[in-house]
Protein backbone atom coordinates (compact mmCIF):
# COMPACT_ATOMS: atom_id res chain seq x y z
CA UNK A 1 88.32 82.71 106.68
CA UNK A 2 91.15 82.80 108.84
CA UNK A 3 91.39 85.63 111.50
CA UNK A 4 93.65 88.89 109.88
CA UNK A 5 97.12 88.71 112.23
CA UNK A 6 97.59 92.01 113.74
CA UNK A 7 99.74 94.51 111.51
CA UNK A 8 103.71 93.92 112.02
CA UNK A 9 105.26 95.21 114.66
CA UNK A 10 107.40 98.50 113.43
CA UNK A 11 110.04 99.95 115.30
CA UNK A 12 109.38 103.43 116.18
CA UNK A 13 105.54 103.90 116.28
CA UNK A 14 103.61 104.51 119.07
CA UNK A 15 100.82 101.93 120.54
CA UNK A 16 98.77 104.32 119.55
CA UNK A 17 99.45 104.19 115.56
CA UNK A 18 100.41 100.34 116.06
CA UNK A 19 96.46 100.25 117.15
CA UNK A 20 94.94 102.12 114.42
CA UNK A 21 96.79 100.27 111.98
CA UNK A 22 95.67 96.63 113.80
CA UNK A 23 91.96 98.26 113.69
CA UNK A 24 92.27 99.03 110.12
CA UNK A 25 93.38 95.96 108.86
CA UNK A 26 90.81 94.10 110.66
CA UNK A 27 87.95 96.34 108.83
CA UNK A 28 89.72 95.51 105.40
CA UNK A 29 89.58 92.27 105.83
CA UNK A 30 85.87 91.86 106.89
CA UNK A 31 85.35 94.40 104.05
CA UNK A 32 87.06 91.22 101.91
CA UNK A 33 84.91 88.58 103.04
CA UNK A 34 81.43 90.02 102.82
CA UNK A 35 82.84 91.86 98.66
CA UNK A 36 83.98 87.52 98.10
CA UNK A 37 81.03 86.25 99.25
CA UNK A 38 78.20 85.11 96.57
CA UNK A 39 74.71 83.71 96.50
CA UNK A 40 76.42 81.00 94.54
CA UNK A 41 78.23 78.26 96.53
CA UNK A 42 80.56 77.20 94.37
CA UNK A 43 81.64 80.83 93.08
CA UNK A 44 81.75 82.04 96.91
CA UNK A 45 84.08 79.30 97.86
CA UNK A 46 86.10 79.53 94.79
CA UNK A 47 85.79 83.60 95.38
CA UNK A 48 87.51 82.88 98.62
CA UNK A 49 89.83 80.49 98.44
CA UNK A 50 93.23 82.29 98.36
CA UNK A 51 92.13 84.93 100.69
CA UNK A 52 91.24 82.20 103.56
CA UNK A 53 94.92 81.01 102.83
CA UNK A 54 96.05 83.96 104.28
CA UNK A 55 98.65 86.38 102.95
CA UNK A 56 100.89 89.14 104.11
CA UNK A 57 98.57 92.38 103.35
CA UNK A 58 101.24 94.39 102.75
CA UNK A 59 99.27 96.46 100.35
CA UNK A 60 96.61 97.33 102.63
CA UNK A 61 99.02 98.20 105.23
CA UNK A 62 101.29 100.72 102.94
CA UNK A 63 97.46 102.23 101.97
CA UNK A 64 96.45 102.42 106.12
CA UNK A 65 100.27 104.11 106.64
CA UNK A 66 99.91 105.78 103.84
CA UNK A 67 96.54 107.98 104.83
CA UNK A 68 98.43 108.21 108.30
CA UNK A 69 100.25 111.39 106.67
CA UNK A 70 96.79 113.31 106.28
CA UNK A 71 93.71 112.80 107.82
CA UNK A 72 94.44 109.29 108.67
CA UNK A 73 92.48 106.22 108.12
CA UNK A 74 88.43 106.04 107.39
CA UNK A 75 86.15 104.59 105.70
CA UNK A 76 87.43 104.83 101.93
CA UNK A 77 90.83 104.45 103.19
CA UNK A 78 89.72 100.73 104.26
CA UNK A 79 87.81 100.40 100.87
CA UNK A 80 91.01 101.54 98.59
CA UNK A 81 92.66 98.96 100.66
CA UNK A 82 90.38 96.26 100.00
CA UNK A 83 89.83 97.22 96.16
CA UNK A 84 94.04 97.28 95.98
CA UNK A 85 94.34 93.70 98.06
CA UNK A 86 91.49 92.05 95.75
CA UNK A 87 93.28 93.03 92.41
CA UNK A 88 96.83 91.84 94.00
CA UNK A 89 93.83 88.49 94.48
CA UNK A 90 93.07 88.41 91.15
CA UNK A 91 96.53 88.68 89.55
CA UNK A 92 97.30 84.97 91.47
CA UNK A 93 94.37 83.65 90.34
CA UNK A 94 95.76 84.24 86.54
CA UNK A 95 99.66 83.76 87.66
CA UNK A 96 99.14 80.34 89.04
CA UNK A 97 97.30 79.60 85.45
CA UNK A 98 100.17 81.30 83.46
CA UNK A 99 102.51 79.34 85.61
CA UNK A 100 100.66 75.84 85.43
CA UNK A 101 101.12 75.69 89.55
CA UNK A 102 99.92 73.52 92.12
CA UNK A 103 100.01 74.96 95.38
CA UNK A 104 99.86 78.57 96.56
CA UNK A 105 100.29 79.97 99.93
CA UNK A 106 100.53 76.02 100.95
CA UNK A 107 96.85 75.27 99.47
CA UNK A 108 96.15 73.72 96.01
CA UNK A 109 96.00 77.11 93.47
CA UNK A 110 92.93 77.58 92.00
CA UNK A 111 93.34 75.95 88.78
CA UNK A 112 94.61 72.71 90.27
CA UNK A 113 91.64 72.62 92.71
CA UNK A 114 89.06 73.81 90.32
CA UNK A 115 90.40 73.70 86.53
CA UNK A 116 91.77 76.88 84.07
CA UNK A 117 88.81 78.26 83.01
CA UNK A 118 87.41 78.55 86.67
CA UNK A 119 90.41 80.00 87.66
CA UNK A 120 90.74 82.25 85.30
CA UNK A 121 86.94 83.57 85.53
CA UNK A 122 87.09 83.72 89.18
CA UNK A 123 90.46 86.51 89.08
CA UNK A 124 87.95 88.28 86.26
CA UNK A 125 85.77 88.78 88.95
CA UNK A 126 87.65 89.60 91.66
CA UNK A 127 89.50 92.35 89.46
CA UNK A 128 85.27 93.21 88.76
CA UNK A 129 84.57 93.38 92.47
CA UNK A 130 87.63 95.21 93.36
CA UNK A 131 86.65 97.71 90.28
CA UNK A 132 83.09 98.03 92.06
CA UNK A 133 84.42 98.90 95.19
CA UNK A 134 87.21 101.44 93.67
CA UNK A 135 84.42 103.03 91.71
CA UNK A 136 82.59 104.18 94.80
CA UNK A 137 85.63 106.27 95.64
CA UNK A 138 85.73 109.08 93.13
CA UNK A 139 86.51 109.56 89.36
CA UNK A 140 90.57 109.93 90.28
CA UNK A 141 90.50 106.80 92.26
CA UNK A 142 88.64 105.02 89.01
CA UNK A 143 91.15 106.62 86.39
CA UNK A 144 93.99 105.17 89.03
CA UNK A 145 92.53 102.04 88.64
CA UNK A 146 92.46 101.64 85.14
CA UNK A 147 95.72 102.75 84.57
CA UNK A 148 97.35 99.99 87.51
CA UNK A 149 95.18 97.39 85.92
CA UNK A 150 97.01 98.66 82.62
CA UNK A 151 100.09 98.68 83.47
CA UNK A 152 99.81 95.18 85.63
CA UNK A 153 98.37 93.37 82.26
CA UNK A 154 101.39 94.64 80.14
CA UNK A 155 104.02 93.33 82.98
CA UNK A 156 102.58 90.20 83.31
CA UNK A 157 102.57 89.73 78.94
CA UNK A 158 105.92 90.81 79.19
CA UNK A 159 107.34 88.71 81.98
CA UNK A 160 105.62 85.70 80.03
CA UNK A 161 107.45 86.42 76.82
CA UNK A 162 111.87 86.31 76.40
CA UNK A 163 113.18 89.78 76.60
CA UNK A 164 113.40 91.04 72.42
CA UNK A 165 116.97 90.60 71.58
CA UNK A 166 117.84 94.24 70.87
CA UNK A 167 116.45 95.41 74.35
CA UNK A 168 119.14 94.82 77.70
CA UNK A 169 117.97 91.82 79.46
CA UNK A 170 118.59 93.60 83.00
CA UNK A 171 116.88 96.85 81.94
CA UNK A 172 113.64 94.77 80.86
CA UNK A 173 113.04 92.56 83.48
CA UNK A 174 113.57 95.92 85.50
CA UNK A 175 110.28 97.21 83.63
CA UNK A 176 108.76 94.23 83.37
CA UNK A 177 109.27 94.16 87.49
CA UNK A 178 108.13 97.96 87.83
CA UNK A 179 104.70 97.35 85.73
CA UNK A 180 103.73 93.66 87.01
CA UNK A 181 104.49 94.29 91.24
CA UNK A 182 105.41 98.07 91.61
CA UNK A 183 102.94 99.89 90.15
CA UNK A 184 100.04 98.09 92.45
CA UNK A 185 102.18 98.64 95.23
CA UNK A 186 102.90 102.13 94.27
CA UNK A 187 98.94 102.54 93.87
CA UNK A 188 98.63 101.27 97.76
CA UNK A 189 100.70 104.04 98.16
CA UNK A 190 98.54 106.77 96.34
CA UNK A 191 95.11 105.72 97.73
CA UNK A 192 96.05 105.90 101.01
CA UNK A 193 98.30 109.71 100.32
CA UNK A 194 94.91 110.76 97.87
CA UNK A 195 91.97 109.75 99.97
CA UNK A 196 93.17 110.85 102.99
CA UNK A 197 93.70 115.01 101.24
CA UNK A 198 98.00 114.78 101.32
CA UNK A 199 99.21 117.34 99.17
CA UNK A 200 100.44 116.47 95.38
CA UNK A 201 103.63 116.39 96.14
CA UNK A 202 103.28 114.04 99.39
CA UNK A 203 101.32 112.17 96.54
CA UNK A 204 104.26 112.02 93.90
CA UNK A 205 106.75 110.94 97.28
CA UNK A 206 104.55 108.03 97.84
CA UNK A 207 103.72 106.91 94.39
CA UNK A 208 107.58 106.73 93.49
CA UNK A 209 107.93 105.14 97.23
CA UNK A 210 106.11 102.55 96.14
CA UNK A 211 106.83 101.62 92.56
CA UNK A 212 110.36 101.32 93.92
CA UNK A 213 109.59 99.04 96.79
CA UNK A 214 107.60 97.15 94.67
CA UNK A 215 109.86 96.14 92.41
CA UNK A 216 112.20 95.26 95.36
CA UNK A 217 109.52 93.29 96.69
CA UNK A 218 109.30 91.47 93.51
CA UNK A 219 113.31 90.98 93.37
CA UNK A 220 113.31 89.54 96.94
CA UNK A 221 110.40 87.16 96.05
CA UNK A 222 112.85 86.02 92.81
CA UNK A 223 115.70 85.20 95.29
CA UNK A 224 113.06 83.20 97.65
CA UNK A 225 111.84 81.65 94.40
CA UNK A 226 115.88 80.06 94.49
CA UNK A 227 116.86 80.20 98.13
CA UNK A 228 113.72 78.64 99.93
CA UNK A 229 112.64 75.07 100.44
CA UNK A 230 108.43 74.57 99.31
CA UNK A 231 107.67 73.79 103.23
CA UNK A 232 108.55 77.60 103.87
CA UNK A 233 107.86 78.90 100.19
CA UNK A 234 103.91 77.93 100.40
CA UNK A 235 104.38 76.20 96.42
CA UNK A 236 107.46 74.63 94.42
CA UNK A 237 110.67 76.29 94.37
CA UNK A 238 112.29 76.63 91.04
CA UNK A 239 108.84 77.96 88.90
CA UNK A 240 111.07 81.01 87.77
CA UNK A 241 113.66 78.02 86.41
CA UNK A 242 110.49 75.65 85.16
CA UNK A 243 109.00 78.47 83.27
CA UNK A 244 112.05 79.88 81.57
CA UNK A 245 112.26 83.34 83.10
CA UNK A 246 115.18 85.19 83.48
CA UNK A 247 115.36 86.51 86.85
CA UNK A 248 117.92 88.91 87.87
CA UNK A 249 120.35 85.47 89.89
CA UNK A 250 119.49 84.34 86.19
CA UNK A 251 120.46 87.04 84.20
CA UNK A 252 123.96 87.35 86.14
CA UNK A 253 124.64 83.57 86.19
CA UNK A 254 123.84 83.88 82.45
CA UNK A 255 125.90 86.38 81.57
CA UNK A 256 129.45 84.51 83.39
CA UNK A 257 132.55 83.64 81.43
CA UNK A 258 133.87 81.31 83.43
CA UNK A 259 133.84 77.69 82.16
CA UNK A 260 132.78 76.17 85.12
CA UNK A 261 129.33 78.13 85.02
CA UNK A 262 129.21 76.06 81.81
CA UNK A 263 126.90 73.55 83.38
CA UNK A 264 124.62 75.65 85.01
CA UNK A 265 123.77 77.77 81.73
CA UNK A 266 123.08 74.78 80.20
CA UNK A 267 120.34 74.34 82.66
CA UNK A 268 119.14 77.78 82.63
CA UNK A 269 118.70 77.35 78.88
CA UNK A 270 116.61 74.59 79.28
CA UNK A 271 113.25 74.49 77.17
CA UNK A 272 111.41 72.34 78.95
CA UNK A 273 113.14 71.10 82.63
CA UNK A 274 112.85 68.03 84.19
CA UNK A 275 111.98 67.91 87.80
CA UNK A 276 115.97 66.91 88.22
CA UNK A 277 117.44 69.25 86.10
CA UNK A 278 115.59 71.76 88.11
CA UNK A 279 116.29 70.84 91.07
CA UNK A 280 120.31 70.40 90.31
CA UNK A 281 120.17 74.15 88.55
CA UNK A 282 118.76 75.10 92.15
CA UNK A 283 121.96 73.44 93.73
CA UNK A 284 123.90 75.12 91.42
CA UNK A 285 122.26 78.26 91.31
CA UNK A 286 121.96 78.64 95.43
CA UNK A 287 125.58 79.13 96.03
CA UNK A 288 126.74 80.88 92.55
CA UNK A 289 128.11 84.19 93.47
CA UNK A 290 125.32 85.87 91.40
CA UNK A 291 122.63 85.53 94.28
CA UNK A 292 124.93 87.89 96.41
CA UNK A 293 124.95 90.36 92.95
CA UNK A 294 121.50 90.12 93.35
CA UNK A 295 120.77 90.15 96.53
CA UNK A 296 122.97 93.39 96.91
CA UNK A 297 121.02 95.10 93.86
CA UNK A 298 117.68 94.17 95.52
CA UNK A 299 118.88 96.07 98.73
CA UNK A 300 120.19 98.91 96.82
CA UNK A 301 116.82 99.61 95.51
CA UNK A 302 115.32 99.12 98.59
CA UNK A 303 117.83 101.77 100.14
CA UNK A 304 116.50 103.81 96.85
CA UNK A 305 112.78 103.98 98.35
CA UNK A 306 113.99 105.48 101.25
CA UNK A 307 115.83 108.02 100.26
CA UNK A 308 112.60 109.30 98.13
CA UNK A 309 111.28 109.78 101.55
CA UNK A 310 113.26 112.74 102.49
CA UNK A 311 111.14 115.13 101.88
CA UNK A 312 108.47 113.65 104.31
CA UNK A 313 108.46 114.97 107.58
CA UNK A 314 110.47 113.37 110.34
CA UNK A 315 108.07 110.91 112.62
CA UNK A 316 106.77 107.82 113.49
CA UNK A 317 105.17 107.57 109.68
CA UNK A 318 107.92 108.24 107.71
CA UNK A 319 110.22 105.98 110.35
CA UNK A 320 107.30 102.96 109.69
CA UNK A 321 107.51 103.51 105.45
CA UNK A 322 111.64 103.59 105.46
CA UNK A 323 111.13 100.21 107.79
CA UNK A 324 108.63 98.60 105.35
CA UNK A 325 111.57 98.82 102.62
CA UNK A 326 114.23 96.88 104.56
CA UNK A 327 111.23 94.93 105.70
CA UNK A 328 110.45 92.97 102.30
CA UNK A 329 113.76 92.65 101.08
CA UNK A 330 115.08 90.95 103.78
CA UNK A 331 112.26 88.09 103.86
CA UNK A 332 114.50 85.76 102.47
CA UNK A 333 117.77 86.41 105.35
């Protein structure tokens, strides 16, 4: 397994809080490693494949940080953080099958290393393991996990289908992101607040904050899929173009009435573009005003997440949450 990195240094927080976050993430990592292990060596290896490849552990960090608004980090908080991360990891196994991906986090994807059936079943196993962890945290936590899973799967289904002709592509896409990414990040923050005894008012603030930061997170990922090279991204860029997905910059480029964009629009509308056509589309899109427009909207979403925090008492936790909202959209800058 990969030794977990310390929590990212967040401006304005004390060494004591930083130390608690580092220790909490180490406990989360230990629990993850213990729970993905299995008596069958093949299942243990496949279970741990993406966990061992690393990852930002952003969702567990958010759970730990939210708990600092209440009674702080304890065993239930660590368990919830691990449950959320396992849910996220499980979704990645399924994502890679849907995208026919070859790499993830700089290593072969599970479907490429094993096969589609194994990747799907391991994803299911990890979802079950996550639910088993959450089941020990009480009925409300179980209900939250179930509702989160329903929305996550609904978002993935809608993300894999074109926007209906009767709907606005922009609004449809933001709704997809709220379900497929926003809800799990909202749940990460919600668990931290709920299980540390925060008031319902604080919990509601963190749910809204989490969903907004989750949408911003995915919008930033969509930009990175276009702007980054494979060695930085950990997988081939242009996945969304290859899959015919209408992410924000693609929506804006397709809406352009400039005749100079005819070739780009032709490439983006291809149902099964070749590698050369994907590369050409990436070249044209990287310098297109649609990227600037999508970047600006991504930043607006992060600022909106910050604004949601206004009712919280001022302090280092609130400042850290505000900083995280910006950090998630500045990864490609």
